[in-house]
Protein backbone atom coordinates (compact mmCIF):
# COMPACT_ATOMS: atom_id res chain seq x y z
CA MET A 1 37.06 8.46 -25.63
CA ARG A 2 37.34 12.07 -27.68
CA HIS A 3 35.18 9.91 -30.92
CA ILE A 4 32.65 9.05 -27.70
CA LEU A 5 32.47 12.93 -27.00
CA LEU A 6 32.08 14.08 -30.67
CA ASN A 7 29.30 11.78 -31.01
CA LEU A 8 27.32 12.40 -27.59
CA ALA A 9 27.91 15.78 -28.78
CA ILE A 10 26.97 15.64 -32.49
CA GLY A 11 23.73 13.29 -31.05
CA LEU A 12 23.22 16.01 -28.70
CA PHE A 13 23.02 19.43 -30.94
CA GLY A 14 20.60 17.29 -33.72
CA ALA A 15 18.27 16.62 -30.96
CA ILE A 16 18.29 20.41 -30.13
CA LEU A 17 17.66 20.68 -33.76
CA LEU A 18 14.93 18.96 -34.05
CA VAL A 19 13.48 19.44 -30.74
CA LEU A 20 13.57 23.37 -31.71
CA THR A 21 11.62 22.81 -35.32
CA LEU A 22 9.02 20.62 -33.92
CA ALA A 23 8.20 23.28 -31.13
CA GLY A 24 8.94 26.28 -33.50
CA ALA A 25 6.39 24.11 -35.86
CA ALA A 26 4.31 23.79 -33.14
CA MET A 27 4.37 27.40 -31.82
CA ILE A 28 3.90 29.33 -35.50
CA TRP A 29 1.11 27.18 -36.36
CA GLY A 30 -0.72 28.29 -33.00
CA GLU A 31 0.00 31.89 -33.94
CA ARG A 32 -0.85 31.18 -37.51
CA LEU A 33 -5.05 29.79 -36.17
CA ASP A 34 -5.09 32.55 -33.94
CA LEU A 35 -4.05 35.89 -36.36
CA ALA A 36 -6.86 33.79 -38.68
CA ALA A 37 -9.59 34.10 -35.92
CA ALA A 38 -8.37 37.41 -35.00
CA GLN A 39 -8.02 38.75 -38.75
CA ASN A 40 -12.06 37.21 -39.30
CA GLN A 41 -13.24 39.15 -35.89
CA GLU A 42 -11.67 42.38 -36.97
CA MET A 43 -12.85 42.03 -40.62
CA GLN A 44 -16.52 41.05 -39.11
CA GLU A 45 -16.70 44.46 -37.05
CA GLY A 46 -15.67 46.32 -39.86
CA ARG A 47 -18.43 45.06 -41.83
CA ASN A 48 -21.00 45.48 -39.07
CA LEU A 49 -19.53 49.43 -38.54
CA ILE A 50 -20.03 49.96 -42.42
CA ALA A 51 -23.60 48.54 -41.98
CA THR A 52 -24.37 50.53 -39.12
CA ASN A 53 -22.92 53.86 -40.22
CA LEU A 54 -22.87 54.23 -44.09
CA LEU A 55 -25.54 51.69 -46.00
CA PRO A 56 -27.17 52.58 -47.98
CA ALA A 57 -25.11 54.97 -49.69
CA THR A 58 -26.63 58.16 -51.24
CA ASP A 59 -23.96 59.70 -52.80
CA THR A 60 -23.73 62.85 -50.97
CA ILE A 61 -21.18 65.04 -49.52
CA LYS A 62 -22.53 64.07 -45.90
CA ASP A 63 -21.91 60.48 -46.66
CA GLN A 64 -18.45 61.19 -47.90
CA ALA A 65 -18.50 62.66 -44.02
CA ARG A 66 -19.47 59.39 -42.69
CA ILE A 67 -17.05 57.49 -45.19
CA ALA A 68 -13.83 59.90 -43.85
CA ASN A 69 -14.75 59.03 -40.07
CA ILE A 70 -15.07 55.15 -40.80
CA ILE A 71 -11.81 55.41 -42.08
CA ARG A 72 -10.04 56.85 -39.29
CA ALA A 73 -11.60 54.44 -37.36
CA PHE A 74 -9.22 51.89 -38.72
CA ASP A 75 -5.99 53.94 -37.63
CA ASP A 76 -3.28 52.28 -36.09
CA ASN A 77 -5.20 48.94 -36.20
CA PRO A 78 -2.85 45.94 -36.05
CA LEU A 79 -5.19 43.84 -38.21
CA VAL A 80 -6.79 46.06 -40.85
CA SER A 81 -6.47 48.70 -43.13
CA ALA A 82 -8.93 50.97 -45.14
CA HIS A 83 -8.87 53.13 -47.47
CA LEU A 84 -11.68 54.66 -50.31
CA VAL A 85 -10.65 54.45 -54.36
CA ASP A 86 -12.11 56.77 -56.48
CA PRO A 87 -14.25 56.01 -59.46
CA TRP A 88 -11.39 56.74 -61.36
CA GLY A 89 -8.82 54.74 -59.49
CA PHE A 90 -6.89 57.13 -57.03
CA ASP A 91 -6.92 56.75 -53.21
CA ARG A 92 -8.68 59.25 -51.83
CA LEU A 93 -8.85 58.37 -48.35
CA GLN A 94 -6.68 56.26 -46.46
CA SER A 95 -6.37 54.69 -42.66
CA VAL A 96 -3.07 55.55 -40.75
CA PRO A 97 -1.26 51.65 -40.63
CA ALA A 98 0.49 50.64 -37.19
CA ARG A 99 3.77 51.08 -36.70
CA VAL A 100 5.71 48.23 -37.16
CA ALA A 101 9.60 48.84 -35.84
CA TYR A 102 11.31 45.80 -36.86
CA GLN A 103 10.04 44.47 -40.11
CA PRO A 104 9.81 40.29 -40.07
CA PRO A 105 11.80 38.13 -42.37
CA SER A 106 9.36 37.52 -45.42
CA TRP A 107 9.05 33.28 -44.88
CA PHE A 108 8.32 34.56 -41.45
CA VAL A 109 5.35 36.29 -43.09
CA TRP A 110 4.42 33.71 -45.46
CA LEU A 111 3.87 30.83 -42.56
CA VAL A 112 2.56 32.87 -39.93
CA ALA A 113 0.03 35.21 -41.99
CA PRO A 114 -3.57 33.43 -42.79
CA LYS A 115 -5.51 33.69 -46.01
CA ARG A 116 -6.16 37.09 -46.62
CA GLN A 117 -9.72 38.20 -46.52
CA GLU A 118 -10.70 41.49 -48.11
CA VAL A 119 -14.10 43.78 -48.06
CA HIS A 120 -15.01 45.72 -51.12
CA ILE A 121 -18.32 47.86 -50.91
CA ASP A 122 -18.95 50.37 -54.09
CA PHE A 123 -20.42 54.06 -52.92
CA GLY A 124 -21.05 54.84 -56.82
CA GLN A 125 -19.46 58.32 -57.24
CA THR A 126 -18.42 58.79 -54.03
CA GLY A 127 -16.03 55.72 -54.32
CA THR A 128 -15.16 52.42 -53.18
CA LEU A 129 -14.31 51.38 -49.72
CA HIS A 130 -12.02 48.58 -49.04
CA LEU A 131 -11.00 46.83 -46.08
CA GLN A 132 -7.73 44.93 -46.42
CA PRO A 133 -5.03 42.63 -44.06
CA TYR A 134 -3.01 44.41 -42.34
CA LEU A 135 -0.70 41.92 -40.57
CA LEU A 136 3.02 43.24 -40.01
CA PRO A 137 2.44 44.61 -36.81
CA SER A 138 0.70 41.41 -35.11
CA VAL A 139 3.19 39.42 -37.08
CA GLU A 140 6.10 41.45 -35.33
CA THR A 141 4.82 40.80 -31.94
CA ILE A 142 4.46 37.00 -32.79
CA TRP A 143 8.31 37.11 -34.70
CA HIS A 144 9.51 38.60 -31.50
CA ARG A 145 7.25 36.10 -29.20
CA THR A 146 8.81 33.08 -31.04
CA ALA A 147 11.93 34.19 -30.98
CA MET A 148 12.02 34.73 -27.10
CA ASN A 149 10.67 31.17 -26.55
CA LEU A 150 12.70 29.36 -28.87
CA GLY A 151 15.64 30.71 -27.46
CA ALA A 152 14.80 30.15 -23.63
CA MET A 153 13.94 26.50 -24.64
CA ALA A 154 17.21 26.18 -26.83
CA GLY A 155 19.37 27.83 -24.03
CA GLY A 156 17.75 25.50 -21.31
CA LEU A 157 18.44 22.44 -23.76
CA PHE A 158 22.14 23.36 -24.21
CA PHE A 159 22.65 23.73 -20.64
CA ILE A 160 21.40 20.32 -20.30
CA SER A 161 23.41 18.84 -22.90
CA VAL A 162 26.68 20.81 -21.59
CA ILE A 163 25.76 18.84 -18.12
CA ALA A 164 25.58 15.39 -19.62
CA ILE A 165 28.41 15.42 -21.53
CA PHE A 166 30.82 17.02 -18.93
CA LEU A 167 29.01 13.88 -16.52
CA VAL A 168 29.72 11.02 -19.24
CA ARG A 169 33.13 12.96 -19.66
CA ARG A 170 33.30 12.80 -16.36
CA SER A 171 32.53 9.44 -15.87
CA LEU A 172 34.98 7.93 -19.05
CA HIS A 173 37.54 9.56 -16.93
CA VAL A 174 37.19 7.48 -14.92
CA LEU A 175 37.17 4.31 -16.75
CA THR A 176 39.82 5.38 -18.74
CA ASP A 177 42.32 5.69 -15.75
CA LEU A 178 40.98 2.55 -14.51
CA GLU A 179 41.52 1.17 -18.08
CA GLN A 180 45.12 2.22 -18.10
CA ALA A 181 45.85 1.29 -14.39
CA SER A 182 44.89 -2.68 -15.40
CA VAL A 183 46.99 -2.43 -17.57
CA ARG A 184 49.87 -1.21 -16.14
CA LEU A 185 49.33 -3.44 -13.16
CA LEU A 186 49.18 -6.21 -16.01
CA SER A 187 52.17 -4.96 -17.43
CA GLY A 188 54.13 -5.18 -13.96
CA ASP A 189 54.94 -1.50 -14.20
CA GLU A 190 56.39 -1.20 -10.86
CA GLY A 191 55.43 2.40 -10.29
CA GLN A 192 52.31 1.24 -10.03
CA MET A 193 52.74 -0.96 -7.34
CA GLY A 194 50.65 0.93 -4.84
CA ALA A 195 47.84 1.04 -6.66
CA ARG A 196 48.16 -2.62 -7.08
CA SER A 197 47.92 -3.22 -3.81
CA THR A 198 45.22 -1.33 -3.72
CA LEU A 199 43.07 -1.88 -6.43
CA GLY A 200 44.63 -5.60 -6.24
CA GLN A 201 43.13 -6.02 -2.93
CA ALA A 202 39.47 -4.69 -3.65
CA PHE A 203 39.58 -7.19 -7.25
CA ASP A 204 40.14 -10.18 -4.95
CA ARG A 205 37.84 -9.08 -2.03
CA LEU A 206 35.21 -8.74 -4.73
CA ALA A 207 36.15 -11.61 -6.82
CA GLY A 208 36.14 -14.03 -3.40
CA LYS A 209 32.96 -12.71 -2.18
CA PHE A 210 31.41 -13.86 -6.36
CA GLN A 211 33.17 -17.18 -5.61
CA GLU A 212 31.54 -17.68 -2.15
CA THR A 213 28.36 -16.85 -3.34
CA ILE A 214 28.42 -19.33 -6.15
CA ALA A 215 30.18 -22.14 -3.84
CA GLN A 216 26.98 -21.61 -1.16
CA ASN A 217 24.72 -21.15 -3.77
CA ALA A 218 26.05 -24.75 -5.12
CA ARG A 219 26.25 -26.04 -1.72
CA LEU A 220 22.70 -24.69 -1.05
CA THR A 221 21.64 -26.70 -3.68
CA ARG A 222 23.14 -29.73 -2.98
CA MET A 223 21.33 -29.12 -0.03
CA ILE A 224 18.26 -29.41 -0.74
CA ASP A 225 18.56 -31.88 -3.05
CA ARG A 226 19.66 -34.40 -0.43
CA LEU A 227 17.04 -33.16 2.21
CA GLN A 228 14.78 -33.52 -0.32
CA GLU A 229 16.17 -37.04 -0.78
CA GLU A 230 16.58 -37.96 2.96
CA GLU A 231 12.77 -36.98 3.02
CA ARG A 232 11.02 -38.86 0.36
CA SER A 233 13.08 -41.60 2.16
CA GLU A 234 12.22 -40.81 5.22
CA LEU A 235 8.22 -40.74 3.77
CA ALA A 236 8.91 -44.25 2.17
CA ARG A 237 9.99 -45.72 5.78
CA ASN A 238 7.63 -44.58 7.60
CA LEU A 239 4.55 -45.84 5.46
CA HIS A 240 6.41 -49.24 5.59
CA ASP A 241 6.65 -49.13 8.96
CA ASP A 242 3.50 -47.94 10.12
CA ILE A 243 0.97 -47.96 7.72
CA GLY A 244 1.93 -51.56 6.19
CA PRO A 245 1.94 -53.77 8.80
CA GLN A 246 -2.00 -51.76 9.28
CA LEU A 247 -2.18 -52.86 6.03
CA PHE A 248 -1.33 -56.31 6.19
CA ALA A 249 -3.23 -57.12 9.56
CA VAL A 250 -6.49 -55.55 7.79
CA ASP A 251 -6.44 -57.76 4.82
CA VAL A 252 -5.66 -60.93 7.35
CA ASP A 253 -9.09 -59.63 9.23
CA ALA A 254 -10.82 -58.88 5.60
CA SER A 255 -10.09 -62.56 4.81
CA THR A 256 -11.14 -64.25 8.15
CA ILE A 257 -14.51 -62.19 8.16
CA ILE A 258 -15.09 -63.67 4.70
CA ARG A 259 -14.13 -67.19 5.84
CA GLN A 260 -16.49 -66.90 8.40
CA SER A 261 -19.43 -65.37 6.63
CA GLU A 262 -18.82 -68.10 3.88
CA GLN A 263 -19.49 -71.28 6.60
CA GLN A 264 -22.64 -72.52 7.33
CA SER A 265 -23.04 -71.64 10.91
CA PRO A 266 -21.16 -68.12 10.85
CA ASP A 267 -19.41 -67.13 14.20
CA LEU A 268 -20.54 -63.52 14.07
CA HIS A 269 -18.75 -62.87 17.48
CA ALA A 270 -15.34 -63.79 15.48
CA ILE A 271 -16.36 -61.72 12.75
CA ALA A 272 -16.96 -58.39 15.26
CA GLU A 273 -14.36 -59.29 16.42
CA ARG A 274 -12.57 -59.27 13.13
CA ALA A 275 -14.19 -56.01 12.26
CA SER A 276 -13.26 -54.28 15.43
CA ALA A 277 -9.95 -54.60 14.78
CA ILE A 278 -10.14 -53.80 11.26
CA ARG A 279 -11.67 -50.45 12.57
CA ALA A 280 -8.97 -49.90 15.17
CA SER A 281 -6.42 -50.49 11.83
CA ALA A 282 -8.25 -47.46 10.39
CA THR A 283 -8.05 -45.48 13.21
CA THR A 284 -3.82 -46.03 14.05
CA MET A 285 -3.78 -45.68 10.12
CA LYS A 286 -5.33 -42.37 9.85
CA ARG A 287 -3.38 -41.14 13.02
CA HIS A 288 -0.29 -42.08 11.35
CA VAL A 289 -1.36 -40.44 7.96
CA ARG A 290 -2.09 -36.93 10.14
CA GLN A 291 1.33 -37.12 11.57
CA LEU A 292 2.69 -37.67 8.25
CA LEU A 293 0.70 -34.44 7.32
CA GLY A 294 1.87 -32.34 10.18
CA GLN A 295 5.52 -33.24 9.29
CA LEU A 296 5.48 -32.85 5.32
CA ARG A 297 3.17 -29.35 5.81
CA PRO A 298 4.60 -27.55 9.38
CA ASN A 299 2.69 -24.47 8.55
CA GLU A 300 -0.62 -26.70 9.39
CA ALA A 301 1.03 -27.61 12.34
CA LEU A 302 1.68 -24.04 13.85
CA LYS A 303 -1.83 -22.93 13.66
CA LEU A 304 -2.18 -23.71 16.88
CA GLY A 305 0.79 -21.84 18.40
CA LEU A 306 4.93 -22.83 18.51
CA GLU A 307 3.94 -25.33 21.69
CA PRO A 308 1.36 -27.57 20.61
CA ALA A 309 3.39 -27.86 17.29
CA VAL A 310 6.56 -29.31 19.09
CA ARG A 311 4.40 -31.54 21.47
CA ASN A 312 2.92 -33.14 18.24
CA LEU A 313 6.45 -33.79 16.75
CA ALA A 314 7.22 -34.97 20.36
CA GLY A 315 4.13 -37.52 20.54
CA TYR A 316 5.60 -38.47 16.93
CA TRP A 317 8.97 -39.20 18.19
CA ASN A 318 7.29 -41.39 21.40
CA GLU A 319 5.70 -43.57 18.79
CA ARG A 320 8.57 -44.78 17.32
CA ARG A 321 10.98 -44.48 19.98
CA PRO A 322 8.76 -45.17 23.52
CA GLU A 323 12.06 -44.45 25.08
CA LEU A 324 12.61 -41.28 24.86
CA LYS A 325 11.16 -38.72 26.85
CA PHE A 326 10.97 -34.62 26.20
CA GLY A 327 10.99 -31.88 28.28
CA ILE A 328 9.45 -29.30 26.54
CA SER A 329 9.53 -25.21 27.79
CA ILE A 330 8.23 -22.91 25.65
CA ALA A 331 7.62 -18.99 26.50
CA SER A 332 4.25 -17.91 26.08
CA GLU A 333 4.46 -14.67 24.53
CA PRO A 334 3.47 -14.45 20.70
CA HIS A 335 5.75 -14.41 17.76
CA ASN A 336 5.14 -13.69 14.39
CA GLY A 337 5.07 -16.51 11.42
CA LEU A 338 7.93 -16.43 10.18
CA LEU A 339 10.03 -16.67 13.50
CA ASP A 340 7.35 -19.76 14.73
CA GLY A 341 8.63 -21.72 11.38
CA THR A 342 11.74 -20.88 11.82
CA LEU A 343 12.09 -22.26 15.20
CA TYR A 344 10.10 -24.86 14.29
CA ALA A 345 11.98 -26.15 11.34
CA VAL A 346 15.30 -26.08 13.64
CA ILE A 347 13.50 -27.81 15.95
CA ARG A 348 12.31 -30.55 13.92
CA GLU A 349 15.89 -31.02 12.59
CA ALA A 350 17.74 -30.95 16.01
CA ILE A 351 15.70 -33.95 17.19
CA ALA A 352 16.03 -35.93 14.02
CA ASN A 353 19.64 -35.38 14.09
CA ALA A 354 19.93 -36.68 17.80
CA VAL A 355 17.90 -39.71 17.05
CA LYS A 356 20.06 -40.26 13.59
CA HIS A 357 23.20 -39.83 14.88
CA GLY A 358 23.18 -40.79 18.45
CA HIS A 359 21.01 -42.91 21.16
CA PRO A 360 19.34 -40.20 22.83
CA ARG A 361 16.86 -40.87 26.04
CA TYR A 362 15.96 -37.21 27.29
CA ILE A 363 15.79 -34.48 24.61
CA ASP A 364 15.06 -30.95 26.11
CA ILE A 365 13.70 -28.63 24.34
CA SER A 366 13.60 -24.58 25.52
CA VAL A 367 12.50 -21.38 23.88
CA ASP A 368 12.16 -18.24 26.11
CA SER A 369 12.80 -14.26 25.37
CA SER A 370 14.15 -11.11 26.97
CA ALA A 371 13.42 -7.16 25.73
CA GLN A 372 16.19 -8.15 23.02
CA GLU A 373 16.31 -11.32 21.85
CA LEU A 374 14.74 -15.12 21.59
CA ARG A 375 16.58 -17.93 22.82
CA LEU A 376 15.93 -21.53 21.40
CA ARG A 377 17.86 -24.80 22.93
CA VAL A 378 17.63 -28.17 22.17
CA ALA A 379 20.11 -30.28 23.95
CA ASP A 380 19.97 -34.32 23.92
CA ASP A 381 22.10 -37.23 25.54
CA GLY A 382 22.44 -39.29 22.88
CA GLY A 383 26.33 -39.05 22.90
CA GLY A 384 26.31 -38.47 18.92
CA ALA A 385 28.01 -34.95 19.11
CA ALA A 386 31.06 -36.71 17.04
CA SER A 387 28.86 -36.59 14.13
CA PHE A 388 28.29 -33.09 14.11
CA GLU A 389 31.89 -31.86 13.39
CA GLY A 390 31.51 -32.21 9.86
CA PRO A 391 29.68 -29.29 7.96
CA GLY A 392 26.77 -32.12 7.46
CA TYR A 393 23.63 -30.86 5.22
CA GLY A 394 20.95 -30.57 8.58
CA VAL A 395 23.55 -28.32 10.46
CA ILE A 396 23.58 -26.24 7.28
CA GLY A 397 20.06 -26.30 6.94
CA MET A 398 19.47 -24.76 10.60
CA ARG A 399 22.44 -22.55 10.36
CA GLU A 400 20.93 -20.73 7.19
CA ARG A 401 17.26 -20.89 8.65
CA VAL A 402 18.42 -18.93 11.86
CA GLN A 403 20.84 -16.41 10.16
CA SER A 404 18.19 -15.42 7.91
CA VAL A 405 16.00 -13.75 10.48
CA GLY A 406 19.56 -11.87 11.77
CA GLY A 407 20.21 -14.56 14.71
CA ARG A 408 23.11 -16.51 15.85
CA PHE A 409 23.37 -20.30 15.60
CA ILE A 410 25.82 -22.52 17.80
CA ILE A 411 26.04 -26.23 17.88
CA ASP A 412 28.40 -28.34 20.02
CA ARG A 413 29.11 -30.81 22.32
CA ARG A 414 27.41 -30.98 26.02
CA VAL A 415 29.76 -30.42 29.20
CA ASP A 416 27.51 -32.20 31.61
CA VAL A 417 26.74 -35.51 29.75
CA ALA A 418 27.37 -37.02 25.87
CA GLY A 419 25.37 -35.15 23.67
CA VAL A 420 24.74 -32.47 21.69
CA VAL A 421 23.72 -28.44 22.34
CA VAL A 422 21.29 -26.89 19.68
CA ALA A 423 21.07 -23.02 20.58
CA ALA A 424 20.05 -20.36 18.43
CA THR A 425 19.47 -16.50 19.38
CA ILE A 426 17.47 -13.85 17.63
CA PRO A 427 17.33 -10.17 18.38
CA PHE A 428 14.49 -8.49 18.59
CA GLY A 429 14.01 -4.84 17.29
CA GLN A 430 12.88 -1.54 19.41
CA ASN A 431 9.40 -1.99 18.60
CA GLY A 432 9.81 -5.86 20.55
CA HIS A 433 9.16 -7.93 17.38
CA ASN A 434 12.22 -9.01 14.74
CA PRO A 435 13.06 -6.58 12.15
CA ILE A 436 13.49 -9.29 9.57
CA GLY A 437 10.79 -11.33 10.45
CA ALA A 438 8.26 -7.90 10.68
CA ARG A 439 8.75 -7.46 7.17
CA GLN A 440 7.69 -11.01 5.75
């Protein structure tokens, strides 16, 4: 852990130095540009002042007095100094420089100070007036401002780094303690039996949840494969039982029409009868195809509502089992699409299971609701309760669908007659809608 903290501290220190270096370079470059612009402006103002008050020069005593006044105008200037040099090279007059309380380092002056610009104006026997940069006061101000900004930035980065190291240290302590406790538990340290009990139970629960999730996913995968295979088999049976005979009848009727048309005196009445039979077979096949599509795409059937979809489903089974009767009672309150799809899927699977595992003659389907919940009940008299005692895929699918919308699922034997009852209860939210379904 110490090596990790040391490496982290070194990395943070290096990052702080890099940030401060880049920030300092950006600040110094910006100050250098500003100082150059200020120096140029001050030099231009000096030229204008000289041109207005002194030029052209006449080498008179009055000119010397005006030159002296101009030089005094540059007293305490933080950017430019002025001085008059006589023809023999001696300083005659010089402006008073601005005071500097602290001499900035020479390397900082070199970094900040822009290129020197000087102005020289010759006044003959009076001498030469020189305007030269004097940037120490401005550089001193820049030095203090840069130092304060970088210091504040360094303090903030240092504070953040200390907090980061503290948080990492705490996290590493927790991991280290957990690692040491695990090692002691695995080594059978009796002094850790209490911790072993608590920590072991937590690990056991976590491992149990993980294994349960893996088993549930595998079970759902097998269920999906089984359901897909059952749907394909059911589709093949329906095509064979419903569409196959109709196609055979169409083939026979078409052959009859061909034979009649080849005779010298064809029986038009017989041809018309065969054509009508073909048309009736086509109508029947279209009806069966629509029913099959309704089974394959239940959402299409639900466009008109849950009750019409359930009645179409009952009609589908009536055509295959004329002896099977249905009692349908569905509340008229509107539900959202997710709830209708869940209810329809449970009803469809309950009917299929009742027919597959029993011999029902009557199936009662009811959906009603209150302010708190929605209730579904599908009861048959087929005597197929024994087949529901095992965890069948259809039962798992119904239970998973109901639980996915926050509901409770129950399947049991009927107490009044031999049969099975499938029940589901789905709670409503405070606004009268299912809270899970409303988010879909």
